Amino acid sequence: MTDARRDLPSVNTLLETTAVHSLLEQHPRRVVLDAVRSAIDAARAAGDFHRTEQQWIESIASAVRNRTQPSLRRVINATGVVLHTNLGRAPLADAAIRAIEEVAEGFSNLEYDLETGQRGSRYSHCVDLLRRLTGAEDALVVNNCAAAMVLALNALAQRKEVLVSRGELIEIGGSFRIPDIMARSGAKLVEVGTTNRTHDDDYRRAITPKTGAIVKVHRSNFTIEGFTSEVSVERLAFIAAEHGLPVVHDLGSGLMLPLDTYGLTGEPTASIALASRATLVLMSGDKLLGGPQAGIILGASSVVAKLRQNPFARALRVDKLTLSALEATLRLYLDPDRALKEIPVLAMLTAAPTEVESRAHAVARTLREGGVDAQVVATKASVGGGAFPTAEIPSSAVVLSGGAEAAEERLRRGEPPVIGRIADGKLLLDLRSVQPREDATLSRAVLKALK
């Protein structure tokens, strides 16, 4: 008997086909060669020895696409979670994107003083804007909020004790926990109070000559209700002043403008946090601030200067692209109305429910015209990113008929990938977390994936 595997074409035979020649003109030879070998190996493993030339070409082209596709890709967030950590949190404003492009395409004055012609400091960028917007004496930008905590405690309390309420020992996602992060700073964590109730005297009794700082962590990703009490930052600042200790307030979300008018309450702004007289306020750049990933440290000039001189500051520093995006984002806040319109996170969170509903109906209508059964339902979206944890924002979603799990996978594997959510056995595409300019792209992606 003849071995059927002999019917498999050779690598050279497939390379000589017209279609593969076309692929070689578009992609590196190594990529196409690997794709051809992969297609042959897959056919051999599956026992599929009698493919047509068209089937071989489709298999090779698919393998080329898989090898040339970027690992990090843009997706459409239709989950209804606006600050979705797994999907990269805050999309950047157009102004921030333009700032990145301008700085990235050439050289910059990252560490060069244009006034004096001497070496400058990357730590000077964004400082003036942060001072003006928050009222801080000084500011420092590092690569994320956890890094800001490590740097602050290493500079202020290395080999000393740091007091923190048991009710504030939170996990911030990805199994990263505040106690673990604090321990890496070289400080010794001392827990005070209980999970649900902590009082002034709990801190006072715990203060010893070994105490280096008091930490206040804003519980931004959960709430404790019922029989509870906690000590405010103002009270902690008073207690700390009695002993000459600094208070480090981990604010977390980076909210710059109050959103109470839009039903989002309970999250303090950066300026309010600073007015509470904390020595340092730490916050994120890529959450409610709506900028790039960054850790922002605000506070007294003498203390921030100490952090700036700490060796960890270099290890945790940000690059020119982050600084350019952050500066452009902060500049939008000089005009609050403009910030609410042009910073995507704020625009999505504050959009009127009727506007979101109208967009959902337009998308559903386009899908039905294209042959995909789609309806609109009222939903509740969320902020995400560890901010306003109990807030439910009125929203609207497009519901796709048919098998939810199969449709979800096809959309997730499409181009561009569309990430929805399954609820009650139905696949929902929530328009609250989709930017209006993405509506047409969303419709095309769904039609392409499901038709």
Protein backbone atom coordinates (compact mmCIF):
# COMPACT_ATOMS: atom_id res chain seq x y z
CA MET A 1 0.00 0.00 0.00
CA THR A 2 1.14 3.55 -0.73
CA ASP A 3 1.63 5.87 2.26
CA ALA A 4 -0.96 8.64 1.90
CA ARG A 5 1.46 11.11 3.46
CA ARG A 6 3.41 11.03 0.19
CA ASP A 7 0.56 13.07 -1.31
CA LEU A 8 1.45 16.05 0.87
CA PRO A 9 3.04 18.81 -1.21
CA SER A 10 6.61 19.81 -0.48
CA VAL A 11 7.51 23.18 1.05
CA ASN A 12 9.07 24.30 -2.25
CA THR A 13 5.98 23.32 -4.23
CA LEU A 14 3.77 25.51 -2.07
CA LEU A 15 6.29 28.37 -2.14
CA GLU A 16 6.09 28.38 -5.94
CA THR A 17 2.33 28.94 -6.07
CA THR A 18 1.12 32.35 -7.20
CA ALA A 19 -0.76 33.07 -3.97
CA VAL A 20 2.24 32.27 -1.76
CA HIS A 21 4.42 34.43 -4.01
CA SER A 22 2.00 37.25 -3.20
CA LEU A 23 2.41 36.58 0.52
CA LEU A 24 6.21 36.70 0.11
CA GLU A 25 5.90 40.17 -1.40
CA GLN A 26 4.01 41.38 1.67
CA HIS A 27 5.78 39.57 4.50
CA PRO A 28 9.32 38.45 5.45
CA ARG A 29 10.33 35.16 3.80
CA ARG A 30 10.98 33.60 7.20
CA VAL A 31 7.40 34.27 8.30
CA VAL A 32 5.89 32.76 5.14
CA LEU A 33 8.25 29.78 5.23
CA ASP A 34 7.29 29.03 8.84
CA ALA A 35 3.60 29.34 7.89
CA VAL A 36 4.00 26.86 5.03
CA ARG A 37 5.74 24.35 7.27
CA SER A 38 3.09 24.85 9.94
CA ALA A 39 0.30 24.19 7.43
CA ILE A 40 1.95 20.98 6.25
CA ASP A 41 2.54 19.80 9.83
CA ALA A 42 -1.11 20.52 10.73
CA ALA A 43 -2.37 18.58 7.71
CA ARG A 44 -0.08 15.65 8.53
CA ALA A 45 -1.26 15.57 12.16
CA ALA A 46 -4.94 15.71 11.08
CA GLY A 47 -4.53 13.10 8.36
CA ASP A 48 -5.79 15.64 5.85
CA PHE A 49 -3.59 14.63 2.91
CA HIS A 50 -5.73 15.62 -0.06
CA ARG A 51 -6.33 19.36 0.19
CA THR A 52 -7.02 21.50 -2.83
CA GLU A 53 -4.61 24.30 -3.69
CA GLN A 54 -7.17 26.84 -2.45
CA GLN A 55 -7.38 25.02 0.91
CA TRP A 56 -3.60 25.06 1.23
CA ILE A 57 -3.50 28.79 0.48
CA GLU A 58 -6.19 29.55 3.06
CA SER A 59 -4.32 27.54 5.69
CA ILE A 60 -1.01 29.24 4.91
CA ALA A 61 -2.57 32.72 4.84
CA SER A 62 -4.21 32.06 8.20
CA ALA A 63 -0.87 30.97 9.66
CA VAL A 64 0.78 34.14 8.29
CA ARG A 65 -1.91 36.30 9.88
CA ASN A 66 -1.39 34.60 13.23
CA ARG A 67 2.36 35.19 13.04
CA THR A 68 2.17 38.82 11.98
CA GLN A 69 -0.66 39.93 14.23
CA PRO A 70 0.50 42.11 17.17
CA SER A 71 0.20 40.59 20.62
CA LEU A 72 -1.13 43.86 22.04
CA ARG A 73 -4.17 44.91 20.01
CA ARG A 74 -6.93 47.45 20.15
CA VAL A 75 -10.32 46.00 21.14
CA ILE A 76 -13.82 47.43 21.46
CA ASN A 77 -14.96 47.42 25.07
CA ALA A 78 -18.67 46.60 25.04
CA THR A 79 -18.71 45.14 28.56
CA GLY A 80 -20.33 48.14 30.22
CA VAL A 81 -17.35 48.46 32.56
CA VAL A 82 -15.82 51.78 31.59
CA LEU A 83 -12.47 51.46 33.39
CA HIS A 84 -11.87 47.80 32.58
CA THR A 85 -8.45 46.86 33.98
CA ASN A 86 -8.09 43.82 31.70
CA LEU A 87 -8.80 46.01 28.68
CA GLY A 88 -6.25 48.71 29.52
CA ARG A 89 -8.36 51.07 31.65
CA ALA A 90 -8.61 54.63 30.34
CA PRO A 91 -8.51 55.30 26.58
CA LEU A 92 -6.56 58.49 25.94
CA ALA A 93 -7.94 61.82 24.79
CA ASP A 94 -7.10 62.93 21.26
CA ALA A 95 -4.88 65.66 22.71
CA ALA A 96 -2.86 63.05 24.61
CA ILE A 97 -2.50 60.85 21.52
CA ARG A 98 -1.25 63.81 19.47
CA ALA A 99 1.23 64.69 22.23
CA ILE A 100 2.63 61.14 22.20
CA GLU A 101 2.99 61.21 18.41
CA GLU A 102 4.83 64.53 18.47
CA VAL A 103 7.28 63.48 21.17
CA ALA A 104 7.78 59.95 19.80
CA GLU A 105 8.72 60.96 16.25
CA GLY A 106 11.89 62.80 17.27
CA PHE A 107 14.00 63.98 20.16
CA SER A 108 12.63 65.89 23.15
CA ASN A 109 13.73 67.99 26.11
CA LEU A 110 13.03 65.12 28.51
CA GLU A 111 16.08 65.92 30.65
CA TYR A 112 17.29 69.13 29.03
CA ASP A 113 16.57 72.68 30.20
CA LEU A 114 15.83 74.78 27.12
CA GLU A 115 16.20 78.03 29.10
CA THR A 116 19.70 77.39 30.45
CA GLY A 117 21.04 74.91 27.91
CA GLN A 118 21.99 72.63 30.80
CA ARG A 119 20.91 69.19 31.93
CA GLY A 120 17.34 69.25 33.17
CA SER A 121 15.10 66.82 35.06
CA ARG A 122 12.27 64.65 33.82
CA TYR A 123 10.66 65.24 37.20
CA SER A 124 9.91 68.85 36.28
CA HIS A 125 7.36 67.94 33.59
CA CYS A 126 3.69 68.05 34.69
CA VAL A 127 4.58 69.58 38.07
CA ASP A 128 3.24 73.08 37.38
CA LEU A 129 -0.04 71.73 36.03
CA LEU A 130 -0.52 69.43 39.01
CA ARG A 131 0.14 72.31 41.38
CA ARG A 132 -2.40 74.54 39.62
CA LEU A 133 -5.07 71.87 39.38
CA THR A 134 -4.80 70.40 42.90
CA GLY A 135 -3.25 73.09 45.09
CA ALA A 136 -0.28 70.86 45.93
CA GLU A 137 3.05 72.44 46.84
CA ASP A 138 4.94 69.93 44.74
CA ALA A 139 4.38 66.78 42.68
CA LEU A 140 6.25 63.74 41.43
CA VAL A 141 5.19 61.24 38.74
CA VAL A 142 6.24 57.57 38.84
CA ASN A 143 5.05 54.54 36.88
CA ASN A 144 1.95 53.58 38.90
CA CYS A 145 0.22 54.11 42.22
CA ALA A 146 1.71 51.00 43.84
CA ALA A 147 5.16 52.33 42.93
CA ALA A 148 4.21 55.66 44.52
CA MET A 149 3.41 53.83 47.77
CA VAL A 150 6.69 51.89 47.74
CA LEU A 151 8.70 55.03 47.07
CA ALA A 152 6.90 57.10 49.71
CA LEU A 153 7.31 54.53 52.47
CA ASN A 154 10.90 53.70 51.55
CA ALA A 155 11.82 57.39 51.72
CA LEU A 156 9.87 58.17 54.89
CA ALA A 157 9.72 54.97 56.94
CA GLN A 158 12.38 52.46 55.89
CA ARG A 159 13.09 50.10 58.82
CA LYS A 160 10.35 51.86 60.78
CA GLU A 161 6.76 51.00 61.60
CA VAL A 162 3.83 52.18 59.49
CA LEU A 163 0.33 52.24 60.96
CA VAL A 164 -2.69 51.28 58.85
CA SER A 165 -6.25 50.30 59.71
CA ARG A 166 -7.17 46.63 59.29
CA GLY A 167 -10.20 47.77 57.32
CA GLU A 168 -7.91 49.27 54.68
CA LEU A 169 -5.68 46.26 53.95
CA ILE A 170 -7.16 45.80 50.52
CA GLU A 171 -6.33 43.74 47.46
CA ILE A 172 -6.13 45.98 44.40
CA GLY A 173 -6.44 43.36 41.66
CA GLY A 174 -4.25 40.70 40.12
CA SER A 175 -3.59 39.38 43.65
CA PHE A 176 -1.58 42.49 44.53
CA ARG A 177 -2.27 43.39 48.12
CA ILE A 178 -1.55 46.59 50.00
CA PRO A 179 0.29 44.79 52.86
CA ASP A 180 2.62 43.04 50.40
CA ILE A 181 3.37 46.26 48.53
CA MET A 182 4.02 48.14 51.76
CA ALA A 183 6.35 45.41 53.01
CA ARG A 184 8.51 45.72 49.88
CA SER A 185 9.23 49.32 50.82
CA GLY A 186 11.31 48.21 53.80
CA ALA A 187 8.76 49.47 56.31
CA LYS A 188 7.12 47.27 58.94
CA LEU A 189 3.35 47.15 58.75
CA VAL A 190 1.46 47.61 62.04
CA GLU A 191 -2.27 46.93 61.88
CA VAL A 192 -4.61 48.97 64.07
CA GLY A 193 -8.31 48.68 64.85
CA THR A 194 -10.56 45.99 63.45
CA THR A 195 -11.95 45.19 60.03
CA ASN A 196 -15.11 47.25 60.51
CA ARG A 197 -14.24 49.76 63.25
CA THR A 198 -11.09 51.80 63.83
CA HIS A 199 -10.88 54.76 66.24
CA ASP A 200 -8.50 57.61 67.05
CA ASP A 201 -7.19 55.84 70.12
CA ASP A 202 -6.25 52.77 68.08
CA TYR A 203 -3.67 54.89 66.29
CA ARG A 204 -2.54 56.73 69.41
CA ARG A 205 -1.91 53.50 71.31
CA ALA A 206 0.08 52.05 68.42
CA ILE A 207 2.45 55.03 68.04
CA THR A 208 5.93 54.33 69.44
CA PRO A 209 9.41 55.77 68.89
CA LYS A 210 9.69 53.24 66.05
CA THR A 211 6.72 54.66 64.13
CA GLY A 212 7.66 56.28 60.84
CA ALA A 213 4.32 57.13 59.21
CA ILE A 214 0.56 56.66 59.19
CA VAL A 215 -1.08 55.38 56.00
CA LYS A 216 -4.68 56.00 54.99
CA VAL A 217 -5.97 53.85 52.11
CA HIS A 218 -9.14 54.92 50.35
CA ARG A 219 -11.30 51.81 49.91
CA SER A 220 -12.15 52.54 46.31
CA ASN A 221 -13.02 49.03 45.12
CA PHE A 222 -15.43 47.91 47.88
CA THR A 223 -17.55 49.29 50.71
CA ILE A 224 -18.06 48.29 54.33
CA GLU A 225 -21.55 49.00 55.61
CA GLY A 226 -23.38 48.55 58.88
CA PHE A 227 -21.64 48.79 62.26
CA THR A 228 -18.59 50.69 61.06
CA SER A 229 -16.31 53.61 61.89
CA GLU A 230 -13.06 54.93 60.52
CA VAL A 231 -10.71 57.82 61.23
CA SER A 232 -10.73 60.62 58.69
CA VAL A 233 -7.60 61.99 57.07
CA GLU A 234 -8.15 65.25 58.96
CA ARG A 235 -8.14 63.43 62.30
CA LEU A 236 -5.11 61.36 61.30
CA ALA A 237 -3.25 64.54 60.35
CA PHE A 238 -4.02 65.98 63.78
CA ILE A 239 -2.87 62.81 65.56
CA ALA A 240 0.26 62.56 63.40
CA ALA A 241 1.16 66.21 64.05
CA GLU A 242 1.22 65.49 67.79
CA HIS A 243 4.11 63.10 67.15
CA GLY A 244 5.78 64.73 64.16
CA LEU A 245 4.71 61.94 61.79
CA PRO A 246 3.74 62.13 58.10
CA VAL A 247 0.37 60.91 56.81
CA VAL A 248 0.38 59.16 53.43
CA HIS A 249 -3.06 59.07 51.82
CA ASP A 250 -3.51 56.51 49.04
CA LEU A 251 -6.40 58.11 47.17
CA GLY A 252 -6.30 55.61 44.32
CA SER A 253 -8.65 56.72 41.55
CA GLY A 254 -7.22 60.12 40.63
CA LEU A 255 -10.55 61.94 40.38
CA MET A 256 -9.93 65.57 39.45
CA LEU A 257 -13.50 66.85 39.00
CA PRO A 258 -16.54 66.10 41.18
CA LEU A 259 -19.12 63.94 39.38
CA ASP A 260 -21.95 64.30 41.90
CA THR A 261 -24.15 65.98 39.29
CA TYR A 262 -24.06 62.74 37.32
CA GLY A 263 -25.00 60.54 40.27
CA LEU A 264 -21.44 59.48 41.08
CA THR A 265 -20.81 60.38 44.71
CA GLY A 266 -18.48 59.37 47.53
CA GLU A 267 -15.16 59.58 45.70
CA PRO A 268 -12.98 62.50 46.90
CA THR A 269 -11.16 64.66 44.39
CA ALA A 270 -7.41 65.21 44.56
CA SER A 271 -7.82 68.80 45.77
CA ILE A 272 -10.20 67.75 48.56
CA ALA A 273 -7.77 65.03 49.62
CA LEU A 274 -4.95 67.57 49.82
CA ALA A 275 -7.13 70.00 51.77
CA SER A 276 -7.46 67.27 54.42
CA ARG A 277 -3.83 68.03 55.32
CA ALA A 278 -2.27 64.69 54.42
CA THR A 279 1.50 64.98 54.00
CA LEU A 280 1.34 63.09 50.71
CA VAL A 281 -1.56 62.12 48.46
CA LEU A 282 -1.02 59.26 45.99
CA MET A 283 -3.24 58.59 42.99
CA SER A 284 -3.40 56.88 39.61
CA GLY A 285 -3.17 58.55 36.23
CA ASP A 286 -5.08 55.94 34.23
CA LYS A 287 -8.28 55.64 36.24
CA LEU A 288 -10.71 58.51 36.75
CA LEU A 289 -8.08 61.05 35.76
CA GLY A 290 -8.34 59.52 32.28
CA GLY A 291 -4.67 59.62 31.33
CA PRO A 292 -1.84 57.10 30.89
CA GLN A 293 -0.71 54.63 33.54
CA ALA A 294 1.15 56.63 36.15
CA GLY A 295 1.46 57.12 39.88
CA ILE A 296 1.08 60.73 40.95
CA ILE A 297 2.47 61.94 44.28
CA LEU A 298 1.23 65.28 45.61
CA GLY A 299 2.27 67.04 48.78
CA ALA A 300 4.65 69.21 50.75
CA SER A 301 7.71 70.39 48.82
CA SER A 302 10.19 69.25 51.47
CA VAL A 303 8.75 65.73 51.52
CA VAL A 304 8.38 65.37 47.75
CA ALA A 305 12.00 66.54 47.37
CA LYS A 306 13.06 63.72 49.67
CA LEU A 307 11.23 61.21 47.45
CA ARG A 308 12.75 62.72 44.33
CA GLN A 309 16.24 62.13 45.71
CA ASN A 310 15.52 58.52 46.72
CA PRO A 311 17.30 55.89 44.53
CA PHE A 312 13.98 54.12 44.00
CA ALA A 313 12.74 57.19 42.11
CA ARG A 314 14.97 56.30 39.18
CA ALA A 315 13.86 52.67 39.17
CA LEU A 316 10.21 53.74 39.19
CA ARG A 317 10.41 56.69 36.80
CA VAL A 318 8.18 57.21 33.77
CA ASP A 319 9.23 57.66 30.16
CA LYS A 320 8.73 60.55 27.75
CA LEU A 321 5.57 59.08 26.19
CA THR A 322 3.81 58.79 29.54
CA LEU A 323 4.81 62.30 30.53
CA SER A 324 3.64 63.77 27.23
CA ALA A 325 0.25 62.03 27.47
CA LEU A 326 -0.21 62.96 31.11
CA GLU A 327 0.66 66.61 30.52
CA ALA A 328 -1.79 66.86 27.60
CA THR A 329 -4.53 65.23 29.69
CA LEU A 330 -3.92 67.52 32.66
CA ARG A 331 -4.01 70.56 30.40
CA LEU A 332 -7.59 69.68 29.41
CA TYR A 333 -8.61 70.06 33.07
CA LEU A 334 -7.83 73.78 32.93
CA ASP A 335 -11.26 74.00 31.28
CA PRO A 336 -13.54 71.56 33.19
CA ASP A 337 -16.26 71.62 30.54
CA ARG A 338 -13.73 70.70 27.89
CA ALA A 339 -12.32 67.92 30.09
CA LEU A 340 -15.77 66.35 30.48
CA LYS A 341 -16.22 66.31 26.71
CA GLU A 342 -12.74 65.37 25.49
CA ILE A 343 -11.42 62.93 28.09
CA PRO A 344 -13.04 59.64 27.00
CA VAL A 345 -13.56 58.18 30.48
CA LEU A 346 -15.35 61.30 31.72
CA ALA A 347 -17.39 61.56 28.51
CA MET A 348 -18.53 57.94 28.78
CA LEU A 349 -19.39 58.21 32.48
CA THR A 350 -21.37 61.43 32.09
CA ALA A 351 -23.18 60.75 28.80
CA ALA A 352 -26.95 61.08 29.14
CA PRO A 353 -28.79 57.71 29.25
CA THR A 354 -31.00 58.86 26.36
CA GLU A 355 -27.91 59.49 24.24
CA VAL A 356 -26.55 55.99 24.95
CA GLU A 357 -29.97 54.48 24.19
CA SER A 358 -30.19 56.33 20.86
CA ARG A 359 -26.77 55.04 19.83
CA ALA A 360 -27.72 51.48 20.80
CA HIS A 361 -30.83 51.63 18.63
CA ALA A 362 -28.77 52.93 15.70
CA VAL A 363 -26.29 50.05 16.04
CA ALA A 364 -29.09 47.47 16.37
CA ARG A 365 -30.82 48.87 13.29
CA THR A 366 -27.61 48.60 11.25
CA LEU A 367 -27.14 45.00 12.39
CA ARG A 368 -30.72 44.03 11.47
CA GLU A 369 -30.29 45.61 8.05
CA GLY A 370 -27.20 43.44 7.66
CA GLY A 371 -29.05 40.26 8.57
CA VAL A 372 -28.13 39.94 12.26
CA ASP A 373 -31.06 39.83 14.69
CA ALA A 374 -30.45 42.47 17.37
CA GLN A 375 -32.57 44.24 19.96
CA VAL A 376 -31.95 46.94 22.59
CA VAL A 377 -32.39 46.49 26.34
CA ALA A 378 -31.84 48.75 29.34
CA THR A 379 -28.80 47.79 31.43
CA LYS A 380 -26.67 49.01 34.33
CA ALA A 381 -23.06 49.88 33.57
CA SER A 382 -20.28 50.34 36.12
CA VAL A 383 -17.25 52.58 36.53
CA GLY A 384 -14.63 49.87 37.15
CA GLY A 385 -10.98 50.46 37.94
CA GLY A 386 -11.65 50.31 41.66
CA ALA A 387 -13.75 53.50 41.64
CA PHE A 388 -17.35 54.11 42.76
CA PRO A 389 -17.73 50.38 43.50
CA THR A 390 -21.47 50.46 44.20
CA ALA A 391 -22.46 52.87 41.42
CA GLU A 392 -24.89 51.59 38.78
CA ILE A 393 -25.05 53.82 35.72
CA PRO A 394 -28.16 53.65 33.51
CA SER A 395 -27.17 52.33 30.11
CA SER A 396 -28.38 50.47 27.02
CA ALA A 397 -27.06 47.38 25.32
CA VAL A 398 -27.54 45.61 22.02
CA VAL A 399 -28.69 42.01 22.56
CA LEU A 400 -27.67 39.51 19.91
CA SER A 401 -29.89 36.51 19.28
CA GLY A 402 -28.62 32.97 19.05
CA GLY A 403 -26.06 31.09 21.10
CA ALA A 404 -24.40 33.60 23.43
CA GLU A 405 -21.20 31.68 24.07
CA ALA A 406 -20.55 30.91 20.41
CA ALA A 407 -21.25 34.50 19.39
CA GLU A 408 -19.06 35.84 22.19
CA GLU A 409 -16.13 33.73 20.99
CA ARG A 410 -16.55 34.75 17.35
CA LEU A 411 -16.67 38.43 18.30
CA ARG A 412 -13.67 38.05 20.60
CA ARG A 413 -11.68 36.42 17.82
CA GLY A 414 -12.80 38.94 15.20
CA GLU A 415 -11.06 41.97 13.74
CA PRO A 416 -11.20 44.17 15.66
CA PRO A 417 -12.03 42.02 18.67
CA VAL A 418 -15.31 42.97 20.35
CA ILE A 419 -15.56 42.17 24.06
CA GLY A 420 -19.12 41.96 25.40
CA ARG A 421 -20.65 40.30 28.43
CA ILE A 422 -23.01 37.38 28.90
CA ALA A 423 -25.91 37.89 31.31
CA ASP A 424 -28.88 35.56 31.78
CA GLY A 425 -27.73 33.51 28.81
CA LYS A 426 -27.70 36.49 26.45
CA LEU A 427 -24.79 38.32 24.85
CA LEU A 428 -24.92 42.05 25.59
CA LEU A 429 -22.94 44.78 23.87
CA ASP A 430 -23.21 47.70 26.28
CA LEU A 431 -22.82 51.07 24.54
CA ARG A 432 -21.87 52.95 27.74
CA SER A 433 -18.27 51.74 27.46
CA VAL A 434 -18.07 52.14 23.68
CA GLN A 435 -16.87 55.50 22.39
CA PRO A 436 -19.37 57.10 19.96
CA ARG A 437 -16.79 57.17 17.18
CA GLU A 438 -16.49 53.38 17.50
CA ASP A 439 -20.17 52.68 16.78
CA ALA A 440 -19.70 52.16 13.04
CA THR A 441 -16.62 49.99 13.64
CA LEU A 442 -18.57 47.95 16.19
CA SER A 443 -21.38 47.34 13.71
CA ARG A 444 -18.98 46.25 10.97
CA ALA A 445 -17.09 43.95 13.33
CA VAL A 446 -20.28 42.24 14.48
CA LEU A 447 -21.57 41.76 10.93
CA LYS A 448 -18.22 40.41 9.79
CA ALA A 449 -17.96 37.96 12.70
CA LEU A 450 -21.55 36.68 12.73
CA LYS A 451 -22.58 36.65 9.05
